[in-house]
Every structure is written in C-alpha cells, then in structure tokens.
Amino acid sequence: MKMKKLLALITAGALCLGMSMTAFAADNSINEVPSNGNQPIAGNGITDDGVVIKSSTLSDALANGEITQEEYEKVVDTLGDPEKIKDAIKEDLQLPANATVAVLGVMNYEPEGNVKEGSTVTFSLDRNKAEGLKDGDEIAVLHLKKVVDKDGNVSYVWEAKKGKVRVLASGVVVEVDLDEFSPVAFVKVMSNGDVVKWNAKGEVVSTTATTTKKASPKTGE
C-alpha cells in the first residue's frame, strides 16, 4: 500500500507525462516538428519511421501485465531517491560530483508496431516540468532493461542514454536512440546552474566541475 501511495504521488505530481501540452509562445519556438519529421501525441513517443510508442502509467501497466511487480518496485524505489537516480545514470553517463537531478516524467512504453534496431524515438515531455530547458539541451533518459543470464535468471537493470531536447511550436520533446521499451524515466541533470551535456562516450562536456566516473561494468567502481 505504501508503494502504491508513493507511486501515486510521483505520477500525479512531478512525474506525470500525461498532462495536456499548451503550445509554446512563438519567441520560445525553434522548430515546427522534431528533426525526424514526426510529432508525437502528448504523452506518447514516435520513432523516426513513424511507429507510435504508446504510453501508460506504471499502475496501469502493472494491472495490465505489461510490467512485473519487480519492475514496478524497482522504478519506484530508484526514482524516490536522488542518490539511486545518480547511481543509475552513472552506469552509462558521467556525472559532475556536485550534480543535482530532477525527474521530468516516467511512463511505461509499448510500441504499436515493429521497431527497427537503432531507431531514434521522439517522446513528448510535460511542458511545465520541462520549463527552463532550451532547444539543444540534453537530459538523461533511463530505460529499465530486462536481463536474462545463462541460467535463465531474470533481473532488471537501468540503462542511461542522453536525449536531445527540442523546443517546438507545440511543446517540448526529447529525441533519444532507443529500440527497446518498458519503464522509461526522463531526468534533468544540473551542475553549477547549468544543464549537463555529454559527448558520444558519455563524458561530461558542458561543465568544469569535478566529475564522477562511470561505473565499471565489471567492478561497479
């Protein structure tokens, strides 16, 4: 019951992506459509070849059997603790030592068609939670992956990718290379008042602050 109450607070407040998106004022608008040419419906995503990625709340996804209880609890546990969010990001992306994180939204996503490997997906963001982000800024996109070892044991691990923010006439979206779907969280990372950016290797390029290394895949250090 406590877990459900916590999720309700998360999804109803800071993490709700299903809110309607009012168009940005013209002076804040950079492009009419994302660079892949497709515009997602509010709350959903769309691939570069037009496959719709349908969103649902974690509670609905759990009730419908789209995610397991283990996935549900891992998402709630991670997103309820800033340090755990940072640990999840550091698996793949470097973080400044003084980084702060803010969750912009979390939903479960299921494609409505076949998604090709290496696809770029455009997700819509809640305009209110994305306030302050500029066209070209980057955020961390956390994807909860299912991993099956050689003995058939299942576990769930976070994968972090950088996403590019686009400010459109219709709202704010984020573009990210993603071809697997499940719970996905969008996280703004700040350092010294600036939005953090990364290079292709996941190294911080937008701040002079001391950085923390990505965790070693073998040692976790």
Protein backbone atom coordinates (compact mmCIF):
# COMPACT_ATOMS: atom_id res chain seq x y z
CA MET A 1 0.00 0.00 0.00
CA LYS A 2 2.86 2.40 0.83
CA MET A 3 4.42 1.59 -2.55
CA LYS A 4 1.17 2.42 -4.37
CA LYS A 5 0.78 5.68 -2.44
CA LEU A 6 4.35 6.67 -3.30
CA LEU A 7 3.79 5.96 -6.98
CA ALA A 8 0.55 7.93 -6.92
CA LEU A 9 2.41 10.94 -5.54
CA ILE A 10 5.14 10.55 -8.16
CA THR A 11 2.88 10.17 -11.16
CA ALA A 12 0.33 12.74 -10.08
CA GLY A 13 2.93 15.37 -9.30
CA ALA A 14 6.44 15.80 -10.63
CA LEU A 15 6.39 12.72 -12.85
CA CYS A 16 3.12 12.97 -14.77
CA LEU A 17 3.63 12.90 -18.53
CA GLY A 18 0.00 12.61 -19.46
CA MET A 19 -0.86 16.25 -18.97
CA SER A 20 -2.01 18.23 -21.98
CA MET A 21 0.63 20.40 -23.64
CA THR A 22 -0.17 24.01 -24.41
CA ALA A 23 1.75 25.48 -27.33
CA PHE A 24 4.83 27.49 -26.51
CA ALA A 25 4.89 31.18 -27.35
CA ALA A 26 6.43 31.94 -30.73
CA ASP A 27 9.56 33.52 -29.26
CA ASN A 28 10.36 30.22 -27.48
CA SER A 29 9.75 28.04 -30.54
CA ILE A 30 12.68 26.84 -32.62
CA ASN A 31 11.20 24.18 -34.91
CA GLU A 32 7.72 23.20 -36.07
CA VAL A 33 8.49 19.46 -35.97
CA PRO A 34 11.28 17.28 -34.50
CA SER A 35 14.29 16.62 -36.70
CA ASN A 36 12.97 13.16 -37.55
CA GLY A 37 9.88 14.76 -39.08
CA ASN A 38 7.35 13.11 -36.76
CA GLN A 39 5.37 14.75 -33.99
CA PRO A 40 4.32 12.56 -31.03
CA ILE A 41 0.91 12.84 -29.42
CA ALA A 42 1.12 14.25 -25.89
CA GLY A 43 2.46 11.64 -23.50
CA ASN A 44 3.47 9.18 -26.25
CA GLY A 45 6.51 8.64 -28.41
CA ILE A 46 7.11 8.03 -32.10
CA THR A 47 10.03 6.50 -33.99
CA ASP A 48 11.85 8.05 -36.92
CA ASP A 49 9.88 5.78 -39.28
CA GLY A 50 6.51 6.58 -37.74
CA VAL A 51 5.86 3.74 -35.26
CA VAL A 52 3.80 5.04 -32.33
CA ILE A 53 5.14 4.23 -28.86
CA LYS A 54 2.08 4.15 -26.63
CA SER A 55 2.44 5.28 -23.03
CA SER A 56 0.67 4.17 -19.86
CA THR A 57 1.13 4.87 -16.18
CA LEU A 58 3.09 2.32 -14.19
CA SER A 59 -0.01 1.40 -12.22
CA ASP A 60 -1.95 0.67 -15.41
CA ALA A 61 1.00 -1.22 -16.91
CA LEU A 62 1.21 -3.39 -13.80
CA ALA A 63 -2.52 -4.05 -13.79
CA ASN A 64 -2.46 -4.97 -17.49
CA GLY A 65 0.51 -7.30 -17.12
CA GLU A 66 2.85 -5.12 -19.21
CA ILE A 67 5.38 -4.94 -16.37
CA THR A 68 6.09 -7.17 -13.38
CA GLN A 69 5.80 -6.31 -9.70
CA GLU A 70 9.61 -6.40 -9.55
CA GLU A 71 9.91 -3.81 -12.31
CA TYR A 72 7.27 -1.63 -10.68
CA GLU A 73 9.01 -1.68 -7.31
CA LYS A 74 12.47 -1.04 -8.78
CA VAL A 75 11.24 2.06 -10.62
CA VAL A 76 9.51 3.45 -7.54
CA ASP A 77 12.48 2.67 -5.30
CA THR A 78 15.01 4.26 -7.67
CA LEU A 79 13.07 7.39 -8.56
CA GLY A 80 12.24 8.08 -4.93
CA ASP A 81 15.93 8.55 -4.04
CA PRO A 82 18.16 11.12 -5.83
CA GLU A 83 21.30 9.14 -4.99
CA LYS A 84 19.86 6.00 -6.58
CA ILE A 85 18.93 8.04 -9.64
CA LYS A 86 22.53 9.23 -9.89
CA ASP A 87 23.82 5.67 -9.49
CA ALA A 88 21.56 4.55 -12.34
CA ILE A 89 22.77 7.37 -14.60
CA LYS A 90 26.43 6.71 -13.76
CA GLU A 91 26.19 3.21 -15.24
CA ASP A 92 26.48 4.81 -18.68
CA LEU A 93 26.90 8.58 -18.33
CA GLN A 94 29.45 10.58 -16.36
CA LEU A 95 28.18 12.92 -13.67
CA PRO A 96 29.72 16.02 -12.10
CA ALA A 97 30.44 15.46 -8.41
CA ASN A 98 28.00 18.23 -7.48
CA ALA A 99 25.26 17.13 -9.89
CA THR A 100 21.61 17.52 -8.98
CA VAL A 101 18.82 15.57 -10.62
CA ALA A 102 15.15 16.27 -11.27
CA VAL A 103 12.76 13.68 -12.71
CA LEU A 104 10.68 15.19 -15.51
CA GLY A 105 8.47 12.17 -16.04
CA VAL A 106 8.19 8.38 -16.04
CA MET A 107 5.87 6.15 -18.03
CA ASN A 108 5.73 2.63 -19.39
CA TYR A 109 6.02 2.48 -23.17
CA GLU A 110 4.91 -0.21 -25.61
CA PRO A 111 5.37 0.04 -29.41
CA GLU A 112 2.32 -0.34 -31.65
CA GLY A 113 4.42 -1.90 -34.41
CA ASN A 114 7.86 -3.30 -35.15
CA VAL A 115 10.71 -1.02 -34.10
CA LYS A 116 13.93 -1.40 -36.06
CA GLU A 117 17.25 -1.65 -34.27
CA GLY A 118 18.95 1.71 -33.86
CA SER A 119 15.73 3.73 -34.03
CA THR A 120 15.52 7.30 -32.82
CA VAL A 121 12.41 7.96 -30.75
CA THR A 122 10.83 11.33 -30.06
CA PHE A 123 8.99 11.50 -26.72
CA SER A 124 6.77 14.38 -25.66
CA LEU A 125 7.53 15.97 -22.29
CA ASP A 126 5.25 17.78 -19.89
CA ARG A 127 5.80 21.45 -20.73
CA ASN A 128 5.53 22.55 -17.11
CA LYS A 129 8.18 20.10 -15.89
CA ALA A 130 10.44 20.94 -18.85
CA GLU A 131 10.36 24.66 -18.08
CA GLY A 132 13.84 26.16 -18.30
CA LEU A 133 15.12 23.65 -20.85
CA LYS A 134 16.31 25.14 -24.13
CA ASP A 135 16.44 23.73 -27.64
CA GLY A 136 19.59 21.61 -27.86
CA ASP A 137 19.85 20.90 -24.13
CA GLU A 138 20.32 17.30 -23.06
CA ILE A 139 18.72 15.13 -20.40
CA ALA A 140 19.36 11.61 -19.15
CA VAL A 141 16.86 9.02 -20.33
CA LEU A 142 16.69 5.98 -18.05
CA HIS A 143 15.37 2.75 -19.52
CA LEU A 144 14.74 -0.31 -17.32
CA LYS A 145 16.05 -3.33 -19.21
CA LYS A 146 15.25 -7.00 -18.66
CA VAL A 147 18.39 -9.13 -18.45
CA VAL A 148 18.41 -12.93 -18.57
CA ASP A 149 21.65 -14.72 -17.60
CA LYS A 150 22.89 -18.06 -18.92
CA ASP A 151 20.96 -19.92 -16.21
CA GLY A 152 17.70 -18.24 -17.12
CA ASN A 153 17.65 -15.92 -14.11
CA VAL A 154 15.87 -12.61 -14.77
CA SER A 155 16.96 -9.25 -13.42
CA TYR A 156 16.19 -5.64 -14.26
CA VAL A 157 18.92 -3.04 -14.73
CA TRP A 158 18.92 0.62 -15.66
CA GLU A 159 20.38 1.79 -18.95
CA ALA A 160 21.13 5.51 -19.27
CA LYS A 161 21.18 7.35 -22.59
CA LYS A 162 21.48 11.02 -23.42
CA GLY A 163 18.46 12.62 -25.02
CA LYS A 164 18.37 15.83 -27.04
CA VAL A 165 15.71 18.39 -26.11
CA ARG A 166 13.80 20.14 -28.89
CA VAL A 167 11.60 23.16 -28.21
CA LEU A 168 8.78 23.13 -30.74
CA ALA A 169 5.81 25.31 -31.53
CA SER A 170 3.60 22.65 -29.94
CA GLY A 171 5.68 21.95 -26.83
CA VAL A 172 8.85 20.20 -25.72
CA VAL A 173 10.11 16.82 -26.90
CA VAL A 174 13.24 14.73 -26.36
CA GLU A 175 14.95 12.66 -29.04
CA VAL A 176 16.84 9.53 -27.98
CA ASP A 177 18.22 6.42 -29.68
CA LEU A 178 16.11 3.60 -28.26
CA ASP A 179 14.74 0.36 -29.69
CA GLU A 180 13.64 -1.45 -26.51
CA PHE A 181 10.75 -0.31 -24.37
CA SER A 182 9.44 -0.71 -20.82
CA PRO A 183 9.53 1.85 -17.99
CA VAL A 184 11.38 4.97 -19.17
CA ALA A 185 12.24 7.97 -16.97
CA PHE A 186 13.40 11.42 -18.09
CA VAL A 187 15.87 13.17 -15.80
CA LYS A 188 17.32 16.69 -15.95
CA VAL A 189 20.89 16.86 -14.65
CA MET A 190 22.24 20.19 -13.43
CA SER A 191 25.66 21.35 -12.25
CA ASN A 192 26.55 24.87 -11.11
CA GLY A 193 23.25 26.13 -12.52
CA ASP A 194 23.85 24.65 -15.99
CA VAL A 195 22.22 21.72 -17.75
CA VAL A 196 24.81 18.96 -18.17
CA LYS A 197 25.70 17.69 -21.64
CA TRP A 198 27.68 14.63 -22.71
CA ASN A 199 29.80 13.59 -25.67
CA ALA A 200 29.41 10.33 -27.60
CA LYS A 201 31.44 8.50 -24.94
CA GLY A 202 29.14 9.64 -22.14
CA GLU A 203 31.69 12.11 -20.79
CA VAL A 204 30.59 15.49 -19.45
CA VAL A 205 31.39 18.32 -21.86
CA SER A 206 29.36 21.24 -20.52
CA THR A 207 30.83 21.91 -17.10
CA THR A 208 34.21 22.45 -15.48
CA ALA A 209 33.06 20.83 -12.25
CA THR A 210 34.84 17.76 -10.89
CA THR A 211 33.23 14.67 -12.38
CA THR A 212 32.47 11.22 -11.07
CA LYS A 213 33.45 8.33 -13.29
CA LYS A 214 31.04 5.96 -14.93
CA ALA A 215 30.83 2.71 -13.01
CA SER A 216 32.99 -0.10 -14.34
CA PRO A 217 30.80 -2.82 -15.86
CA LYS A 218 32.99 -5.44 -14.16
CA THR A 219 33.69 -3.97 -10.76
CA GLY A 220 30.96 -1.35 -10.34
CA GLU A 221 33.64 1.10 -9.19
